[in-house]
């Protein structure tokens, strides 16, 4: 039936659109990850330095 063919084409088109949106979102996240300065430095979070209230050793 022509209606079934049109319905199938619409489902395929919207399915492909959803897949493209997911892939674009993933590519955008990857691009942001690799851009310097876009994501705060992880090394600063991993090594915050001296905890508050404690002094550093002299030397």
C-alpha atoms as a PDB file:
ATOM      1  CA  UNK A   1       0.000   0.000   0.000  1.00  0.00           C
ATOM      2  CA  UNK A   2       1.219   3.518  -0.711  1.00  0.00           C
ATOM      3  CA  UNK A   3       0.442   4.624   2.855  1.00  0.00           C
ATOM      4  CA  UNK A   4       2.666   1.883   4.266  1.00  0.00           C
ATOM      5  CA  UNK A   5       5.519   2.876   1.980  1.00  0.00           C
ATOM      6  CA  UNK A   6       5.235   6.524   3.011  1.00  0.00           C
ATOM      7  CA  UNK A   7       5.046   5.550   6.689  1.00  0.00           C
ATOM      8  CA  UNK A   8       8.145   3.356   6.316  1.00  0.00           C
ATOM      9  CA  UNK A   9      10.046   6.142   4.570  1.00  0.00           C
ATOM     10  CA  UNK A  10       9.166   8.579   7.337  1.00  0.00           C
ATOM     11  CA  UNK A  11      10.256   6.122  10.039  1.00  0.00           C
ATOM     12  CA  UNK A  12      13.558   5.536   8.265  1.00  0.00           C
ATOM     13  CA  UNK A  13      14.116   9.261   7.761  1.00  0.00           C
ATOM     14  CA  UNK A  14      13.399  10.131  11.391  1.00  0.00           C
ATOM     15  CA  UNK A  15      15.505   7.199  12.580  1.00  0.00           C
ATOM     16  CA  UNK A  16      18.413   8.404  10.456  1.00  0.00           C
ATOM     17  CA  UNK A  17      17.911  11.949  11.754  1.00  0.00           C
ATOM     18  CA  UNK A  18      18.035  10.737  15.362  1.00  0.00           C
ATOM     19  CA  UNK A  19      21.210   8.771  14.652  1.00  0.00           C
ATOM     20  CA  UNK A  20      22.815  11.825  13.032  1.00  0.00           C
ATOM     21  CA  UNK A  21      21.915  13.960  16.033  1.00  0.00           C
ATOM     22  CA  UNK A  22      23.483  11.443  18.418  1.00  0.00           C
ATOM     23  CA  UNK A  23      26.629  11.194  16.322  1.00  0.00           C
ATOM     24  CA  UNK A  24      26.900  14.975  16.086  1.00  0.00           C
ATOM     25  CA  UNK A  25      26.430  15.286  19.834  1.00  0.00           C
ATOM     26  CA  UNK A  26      29.184  12.746  20.422  1.00  0.00           C
ATOM     27  CA  UNK A  27      31.504  14.481  17.971  1.00  0.00           C
ATOM     28  CA  UNK A  28      30.799  17.832  19.652  1.00  0.00           C
ATOM     29  CA  UNK A  29      31.603  16.395  23.083  1.00  0.00           C
ATOM     30  CA  UNK A  30      34.823  14.912  21.737  1.00  0.00           C
ATOM     31  CA  UNK A  31      35.784  18.212  20.125  1.00  0.00           C
ATOM     32  CA  UNK A  32      35.157  20.058  23.392  1.00  0.00           C
ATOM     33  CA  UNK A  33      37.255  17.514  25.258  1.00  0.00           C
ATOM     34  CA  UNK A  34      40.234  18.088  22.961  1.00  0.00           C
ATOM     35  CA  UNK A  35      39.978  21.898  22.887  1.00  0.00           C
ATOM     36  CA  UNK A  36      42.482  23.462  25.287  1.00  0.00           C
ATOM     37  CA  UNK A  37      40.763  25.582  27.901  1.00  0.00           C
ATOM     38  CA  UNK A  38      37.257  24.326  27.161  1.00  0.00           C
ATOM     39  CA  UNK A  39      37.325  21.837  30.031  1.00  0.00           C
ATOM     40  CA  UNK A  40      38.905  22.839  33.357  1.00  0.00           C
ATOM     41  CA  UNK A  41      42.328  21.326  33.880  1.00  0.00           C
ATOM     42  CA  UNK A  42      41.995  17.874  35.377  1.00  0.00           C
ATOM     43  CA  UNK A  43      45.467  18.022  36.884  1.00  0.00           C
ATOM     44  CA  UNK A  44      44.413  20.920  39.120  1.00  0.00           C
ATOM     45  CA  UNK A  45      41.476  18.881  40.410  1.00  0.00           C
ATOM     46  CA  UNK A  46      43.519  15.712  40.865  1.00  0.00           C
ATOM     47  CA  UNK A  47      46.347  17.496  42.722  1.00  0.00           C
ATOM     48  CA  UNK A  48      44.816  20.401  44.617  1.00  0.00           C
ATOM     49  CA  UNK A  49      48.026  21.005  46.578  1.00  0.00           C
ATOM     50  CA  UNK A  50      48.049  21.563  50.290  1.00  0.00           C
ATOM     51  CA  UNK A  51      44.736  20.963  52.041  1.00  0.00           C
ATOM     52  CA  UNK A  52      43.237  23.934  53.822  1.00  0.00           C
ATOM     53  CA  UNK A  53      44.540  24.393  57.365  1.00  0.00           C
ATOM     54  CA  UNK A  54      47.849  22.572  56.799  1.00  0.00           C
ATOM     55  CA  UNK A  55      51.216  24.190  56.200  1.00  0.00           C
ATOM     56  CA  UNK A  56      53.720  23.136  53.623  1.00  0.00           C
ATOM     57  CA  UNK A  57      57.047  21.787  54.703  1.00  0.00           C
ATOM     58  CA  UNK A  58      59.937  24.251  54.415  1.00  0.00           C
ATOM     59  CA  UNK A  59      62.815  23.302  52.281  1.00  0.00           C
END
